[in-house]
């Protein structure tokens, strides 16, 4: 059962654009850097992400959004709790953002 993982950031206003781009590149690279401990294969399916361009004005300050997919609850749990590549990313981005919002969902579950 697939789980979609949506991460939204509000980068700090004075953060240089090249640091924002580097953080975004690092987020997208998790799709290749996160390797399953048993299979040794990439297990995070990065579907994409980028800078907000919605004309609706309902972003609440969030500026960037990324969507990933996990094939199982076990994969998501490993990613959140144990994956060293994910932990390294989180440590590197936490001082660059003012706000992070995360939503996960399983298609068809309401």
Protein backbone atom coordinates (compact mmCIF):
# COMPACT_ATOMS: atom_id res chain seq x y z
CA UNK A 1 0.00 0.00 0.00
CA UNK A 2 1.64 3.24 -1.15
CA UNK A 3 2.14 6.18 1.17
CA UNK A 4 2.67 9.67 -0.24
CA UNK A 5 4.85 12.02 1.81
CA UNK A 6 4.45 15.76 1.22
CA UNK A 7 6.97 18.18 2.74
CA UNK A 8 6.51 21.94 2.53
CA UNK A 9 9.06 24.56 3.56
CA UNK A 10 9.11 28.26 4.26
CA UNK A 11 12.75 29.19 3.79
CA UNK A 12 14.16 32.05 5.83
CA UNK A 13 13.69 35.39 4.04
CA UNK A 14 17.38 36.34 4.10
CA UNK A 15 18.67 32.93 3.00
CA UNK A 16 20.69 33.40 -0.21
CA UNK A 17 19.02 31.91 -3.29
CA UNK A 18 21.95 29.54 -3.87
CA UNK A 19 21.41 28.04 -0.40
CA UNK A 20 17.70 27.60 -1.11
CA UNK A 21 18.55 25.85 -4.38
CA UNK A 22 21.13 23.62 -2.67
CA UNK A 23 18.59 22.61 0.00
CA UNK A 24 16.02 21.81 -2.70
CA UNK A 25 18.57 19.79 -4.67
CA UNK A 26 19.44 17.90 -1.49
CA UNK A 27 15.77 17.14 -0.83
CA UNK A 28 15.29 15.78 -4.34
CA UNK A 29 18.51 13.75 -4.07
CA UNK A 30 17.07 11.74 -1.18
CA UNK A 31 15.41 9.60 -3.84
CA UNK A 32 18.86 8.29 -4.75
CA UNK A 33 20.68 8.66 -1.43
CA UNK A 34 18.21 6.74 0.73
CA UNK A 35 19.15 3.09 0.42
CA UNK A 36 17.20 0.29 2.06
CA UNK A 37 19.31 -1.49 4.71
CA UNK A 38 18.34 -4.97 3.51
CA UNK A 39 17.93 -4.69 -0.26
CA UNK A 40 20.59 -1.97 -0.71
CA UNK A 41 18.28 -0.38 -3.29
CA UNK A 42 16.83 3.12 -3.37
CA UNK A 43 13.40 2.95 -1.74
CA UNK A 44 12.16 6.56 -1.72
CA UNK A 45 10.39 7.36 -4.95
CA UNK A 46 10.86 11.10 -5.40
CA UNK A 47 8.00 12.36 -7.50
CA UNK A 48 9.15 15.95 -7.65
CA UNK A 49 9.13 19.29 -6.00
CA UNK A 50 9.93 22.93 -6.40
CA UNK A 51 9.00 26.51 -5.67
CA UNK A 52 5.35 27.39 -5.19
CA UNK A 53 3.64 29.08 -8.11
CA UNK A 54 -0.02 28.86 -7.07
CA UNK A 55 -2.07 31.97 -7.85
CA UNK A 56 -4.60 31.16 -5.09
CA UNK A 57 -2.76 32.91 -2.25
CA UNK A 58 -3.35 30.14 0.31
CA UNK A 59 0.27 29.14 0.93
CA UNK A 60 0.39 30.52 4.48
CA UNK A 61 3.98 31.54 3.88
CA UNK A 62 5.13 28.15 2.58
CA UNK A 63 7.41 28.57 -0.42
CA UNK A 64 8.46 25.09 -1.60
CA UNK A 65 6.81 21.66 -1.79
CA UNK A 66 8.14 18.13 -2.36
CA UNK A 67 6.29 14.86 -2.90
CA UNK A 68 7.76 11.41 -2.32
CA UNK A 69 6.27 7.94 -2.28
CA UNK A 70 6.94 4.94 -0.07
CA UNK A 71 5.74 1.47 -0.99
CA UNK A 72 5.11 0.45 2.62
CA UNK A 73 4.71 1.66 6.18
CA UNK A 74 7.98 -0.13 7.02
CA UNK A 75 9.86 1.93 4.40
CA UNK A 76 8.41 5.17 5.73
CA UNK A 77 9.24 4.20 9.29
CA UNK A 78 12.85 3.42 8.37
CA UNK A 79 13.12 6.74 6.50
CA UNK A 80 11.77 8.78 9.42
CA UNK A 81 13.51 6.97 12.26
CA UNK A 82 16.73 5.45 10.98
CA UNK A 83 17.88 6.46 7.49
CA UNK A 84 21.23 8.25 7.83
CA UNK A 85 20.81 10.16 4.55
CA UNK A 86 17.46 11.54 5.71
CA UNK A 87 18.84 12.44 9.14
CA UNK A 88 21.77 14.25 7.50
CA UNK A 89 19.37 16.22 5.30
CA UNK A 90 17.19 17.22 8.25
CA UNK A 91 20.23 18.38 10.23
CA UNK A 92 21.40 20.46 7.28
CA UNK A 93 18.10 22.16 6.49
CA UNK A 94 16.67 22.86 9.95
CA UNK A 95 18.49 26.20 10.36
CA UNK A 96 17.47 27.35 6.87
CA UNK A 97 13.72 27.26 7.35
CA UNK A 98 11.20 29.19 9.39
CA UNK A 99 8.44 26.64 8.93
CA UNK A 100 8.06 23.02 7.87
CA UNK A 101 4.75 21.31 7.28
CA UNK A 102 4.44 17.61 6.50
CA UNK A 103 1.41 15.61 5.41
CA UNK A 104 1.28 11.92 4.51
CA UNK A 105 -1.59 10.02 2.96
CA UNK A 106 -2.52 6.64 1.60
CA UNK A 107 -4.65 6.89 -1.55
CA UNK A 108 -8.27 5.97 -0.97
CA UNK A 109 -8.17 6.26 2.82
CA UNK A 110 -10.56 8.96 3.99
